[in-house]
Amino acid sequence: MNVLSGFHGAVWLGWLAGVLAAQTAMAIPPMVSHVSDPAGLLATERLGVTDLEAKLADYEARTGIRILVQFHAKSPPADEDRVPGAYMRGLSGQLGTLQHGVLVVYFADDPDWRIWVGNDLAARFAGKPGTVEELTASKAIHEVKEALFSAAQAKAEATFGALQKASAPGQPPGKAHHLELWTDALVDALMARLKAR
């Protein structure tokens, strides 16, 4: 090998190292599925994980907004949940939704829903201008979240009640079906809220 080819090899390796460093610095979010249900809280009676995954993937393809939905059997440990918002912020950072995405988590033992709205989407979600800090301090984000939760729950309860009345004797819809209806209503409301603004 002559000196010139060795020089070009070193330049090429230096260029490659720079590209890899740049990719690492950009903190590309990991590729994850849109739905995580390790405890099997959702059934396949109506919506199911597969249909929800397809709905969220299609929404991301159309709008560029990634919405992730997770189902946890248990709430976070007290030491991880001491500071309001810290648990969801940390989880969003791991999943790549901290800036431009949304993380929705259901905790079955409460039961309780939580939503993390990425910083880039906060004003759109709140429906008014302002930084995340301003919209949090004014409770604008909290008020929209509570309205979404209430509307989704009311819609799910109405649908579930109708299904109970229409079900065959001894075959009422179960808890998993109720959760699917609640999830479906909440995700639809969230999609509409973000897309309309």
Protein backbone atom coordinates (compact mmCIF):
# COMPACT_ATOMS: atom_id res chain seq x y z
CA MET A 1 0.00 0.00 0.00
CA ASN A 2 1.43 3.40 -0.98
CA VAL A 3 1.32 6.55 1.10
CA LEU A 4 -1.45 8.13 -0.98
CA SER A 5 -3.88 5.22 -0.57
CA GLY A 6 -3.15 5.16 3.16
CA PHE A 7 -3.93 8.87 3.32
CA HIS A 8 -7.25 8.41 1.49
CA GLY A 9 -8.13 5.50 3.77
CA ALA A 10 -7.52 7.65 6.84
CA VAL A 11 -9.65 10.46 5.37
CA TRP A 12 -12.46 8.03 4.59
CA LEU A 13 -12.35 6.58 8.10
CA GLY A 14 -12.36 10.09 9.55
CA TRP A 15 -15.38 11.01 7.45
CA LEU A 16 -17.24 7.85 8.52
CA ALA A 17 -16.48 8.53 12.17
CA GLY A 18 -17.85 12.07 11.76
CA VAL A 19 -21.09 10.80 10.21
CA LEU A 20 -21.59 8.29 13.01
CA ALA A 21 -20.90 10.95 15.63
CA ALA A 22 -23.39 13.31 13.99
CA GLN A 23 -26.09 10.63 13.98
CA THR A 24 -25.46 9.92 17.63
CA ALA A 25 -25.58 13.62 18.49
CA MET A 26 -28.97 13.98 16.76
CA ALA A 27 -30.39 11.47 19.26
CA ILE A 28 -32.56 9.70 16.70
CA PRO A 29 -35.52 8.25 18.61
CA PRO A 30 -35.66 4.47 18.72
CA MET A 31 -38.09 2.70 16.44
CA VAL A 32 -40.85 1.41 18.67
CA SER A 33 -44.31 0.05 18.07
CA HIS A 34 -47.10 2.49 18.77
CA VAL A 35 -48.82 0.19 21.28
CA SER A 36 -47.34 -1.68 24.24
CA ASP A 37 -49.57 -4.03 26.24
CA PRO A 38 -47.27 -6.56 27.96
CA ALA A 39 -49.88 -7.44 30.60
CA GLY A 40 -52.52 -8.22 27.96
CA LEU A 41 -55.04 -5.71 29.31
CA LEU A 42 -56.64 -5.26 25.90
CA ALA A 43 -58.59 -8.13 24.38
CA THR A 44 -59.32 -8.70 20.71
CA GLU A 45 -63.08 -8.32 21.08
CA ARG A 46 -63.28 -5.09 19.09
CA LEU A 47 -60.31 -2.76 18.83
CA GLY A 48 -57.39 -4.89 19.96
CA VAL A 49 -53.70 -4.09 19.80
CA THR A 50 -53.39 -4.80 16.06
CA ASP A 51 -56.12 -2.36 15.00
CA LEU A 52 -54.91 0.31 17.40
CA GLU A 53 -51.35 -0.06 16.08
CA ALA A 54 -52.60 0.34 12.50
CA LYS A 55 -54.63 3.42 13.42
CA LEU A 56 -51.69 5.14 15.13
CA ALA A 57 -49.22 4.23 12.38
CA ASP A 58 -51.58 5.67 9.75
CA TYR A 59 -52.03 8.85 11.79
CA GLU A 60 -48.26 9.31 12.08
CA ALA A 61 -47.82 8.75 8.33
CA ARG A 62 -50.46 11.40 7.56
CA THR A 63 -49.56 14.03 10.16
CA GLY A 64 -45.97 13.37 11.22
CA ILE A 65 -47.14 13.14 14.84
CA ARG A 66 -46.19 10.00 16.72
CA ILE A 67 -48.66 8.91 19.39
CA LEU A 68 -47.61 6.02 21.59
CA VAL A 69 -50.04 4.18 23.87
CA GLN A 70 -48.89 1.97 26.72
CA PHE A 71 -50.81 -0.17 29.18
CA HIS A 72 -49.19 -0.82 32.55
CA ALA A 73 -50.56 -3.21 35.15
CA LYS A 74 -49.10 -1.13 37.99
CA SER A 75 -48.48 2.55 38.68
CA PRO A 76 -44.90 3.85 38.92
CA PRO A 77 -43.06 3.32 42.23
CA ALA A 78 -43.49 6.21 44.66
CA ASP A 79 -39.83 7.26 44.41
CA GLU A 80 -40.10 7.56 40.60
CA ASP A 81 -43.41 9.42 40.80
CA ARG A 82 -42.64 11.90 43.57
CA VAL A 83 -42.23 14.92 41.26
CA PRO A 84 -45.34 15.62 39.12
CA GLY A 85 -44.64 14.88 35.46
CA ALA A 86 -41.17 13.46 36.07
CA TYR A 87 -42.09 9.85 35.35
CA MET A 88 -43.85 10.66 32.07
CA ARG A 89 -41.07 13.03 31.04
CA GLY A 90 -38.46 10.33 31.61
CA LEU A 91 -40.46 7.68 29.75
CA SER A 92 -41.11 10.08 26.87
CA GLY A 93 -37.39 10.79 26.64
CA GLN A 94 -36.66 7.07 26.34
CA LEU A 95 -39.33 6.57 23.66
CA GLY A 96 -38.54 9.63 21.53
CA THR A 97 -41.75 11.59 22.19
CA LEU A 98 -40.27 14.25 24.46
CA GLN A 99 -40.23 17.01 21.83
CA HIS A 100 -42.55 16.13 18.95
CA GLY A 101 -44.85 13.33 19.98
CA VAL A 102 -47.42 12.19 22.49
CA LEU A 103 -47.27 9.42 25.07
CA VAL A 104 -50.49 8.04 26.54
CA VAL A 105 -50.20 5.62 29.46
CA TYR A 106 -52.90 3.67 31.30
CA PHE A 107 -52.23 2.30 34.78
CA ALA A 108 -54.66 -0.51 35.58
CA ASP A 109 -54.23 -0.55 39.35
CA ASP A 110 -55.55 3.03 39.80
CA PRO A 111 -57.15 3.03 37.13
CA ASP A 112 -55.56 6.18 35.73
CA TRP A 113 -54.64 7.70 32.38
CA ARG A 114 -51.72 10.06 31.86
CA ILE A 115 -50.72 12.01 28.75
CA TRP A 116 -47.37 13.55 27.93
CA VAL A 117 -47.57 16.10 25.11
CA GLY A 118 -44.23 16.90 23.48
CA ASN A 119 -42.91 20.44 23.81
CA ASP A 120 -43.37 21.19 20.10
CA LEU A 121 -47.07 20.28 20.30
CA ALA A 122 -47.98 21.94 23.60
CA ALA A 123 -49.43 25.15 22.14
CA ARG A 124 -51.40 23.23 19.52
CA PHE A 125 -52.76 20.89 22.17
CA ALA A 126 -53.70 23.73 24.53
CA GLY A 127 -55.26 25.73 21.72
CA LYS A 128 -53.41 28.90 22.65
CA PRO A 129 -49.89 30.31 22.25
CA GLY A 130 -47.28 29.95 24.94
CA THR A 131 -44.34 27.92 26.08
CA VAL A 132 -44.73 24.61 27.86
CA GLU A 133 -43.85 26.34 31.12
CA GLU A 134 -46.47 29.06 30.58
CA LEU A 135 -49.20 26.65 29.51
CA THR A 136 -48.45 24.39 32.45
CA ALA A 137 -48.41 27.25 34.95
CA SER A 138 -51.73 28.59 33.63
CA LYS A 139 -53.20 25.06 33.82
CA ALA A 140 -54.22 25.31 30.15
CA ILE A 141 -52.68 21.93 29.29
CA HIS A 142 -54.17 20.30 32.39
CA GLU A 143 -57.64 21.61 31.59
CA VAL A 144 -57.54 20.23 28.05
CA LYS A 145 -56.32 16.86 29.31
CA GLU A 146 -59.13 16.66 31.87
CA ALA A 147 -61.70 17.58 29.22
CA LEU A 148 -60.37 14.87 26.90
CA PHE A 149 -60.43 12.28 29.68
CA SER A 150 -64.00 13.18 30.69
CA ALA A 151 -65.34 13.18 27.14
CA ALA A 152 -63.64 9.89 26.29
CA GLN A 153 -64.92 8.24 29.46
CA ALA A 154 -68.47 9.45 28.83
CA LYS A 155 -68.40 8.15 25.26
CA ALA A 156 -66.96 4.80 26.35
CA GLU A 157 -69.51 4.41 29.16
CA ALA A 158 -72.41 5.14 26.81
CA THR A 159 -71.19 2.62 24.22
CA PHE A 160 -70.43 0.02 26.88
CA GLY A 161 -73.87 0.45 28.42
CA ALA A 162 -75.53 -0.08 25.04
CA LEU A 163 -73.44 -3.21 24.47
CA GLN A 164 -74.42 -4.58 27.87
CA LYS A 165 -78.10 -4.16 27.03
CA ALA A 166 -77.67 -5.77 23.61
CA SER A 167 -75.51 -8.67 24.76
CA ALA A 168 -76.81 -12.21 24.99
CA PRO A 169 -77.81 -13.44 28.47
CA GLY A 170 -74.76 -14.60 30.40
CA GLN A 171 -72.35 -13.08 27.85
CA PRO A 172 -71.82 -9.45 28.90
CA PRO A 173 -68.85 -7.51 27.50
CA GLY A 174 -65.85 -7.74 29.80
CA LYS A 175 -63.37 -5.30 31.36
CA ALA A 176 -60.98 -5.62 28.41
CA HIS A 177 -63.74 -4.54 26.04
CA HIS A 178 -64.53 -1.57 28.28
CA LEU A 179 -60.86 -0.54 28.24
CA GLU A 180 -60.76 -0.86 24.45
CA LEU A 181 -63.74 1.46 24.11
CA TRP A 182 -62.15 3.95 26.51
CA THR A 183 -58.83 3.81 24.65
CA ASP A 184 -60.49 4.20 21.27
CA ALA A 185 -62.44 7.26 22.42
CA LEU A 186 -59.41 8.88 24.03
CA VAL A 187 -57.13 8.28 21.04
CA ASP A 188 -59.74 9.62 18.60
CA ALA A 189 -60.22 12.76 20.71
CA LEU A 190 -56.48 13.27 20.97
CA MET A 191 -55.95 12.84 17.22
CA ALA A 192 -58.71 15.32 16.45
CA ARG A 193 -57.35 17.84 18.94
CA LEU A 194 -53.83 17.78 17.46
CA LYS A 195 -54.84 17.61 13.82
CA ALA A 196 -57.31 20.49 13.98
CA ARG A 197 -54.70 22.99 15.16
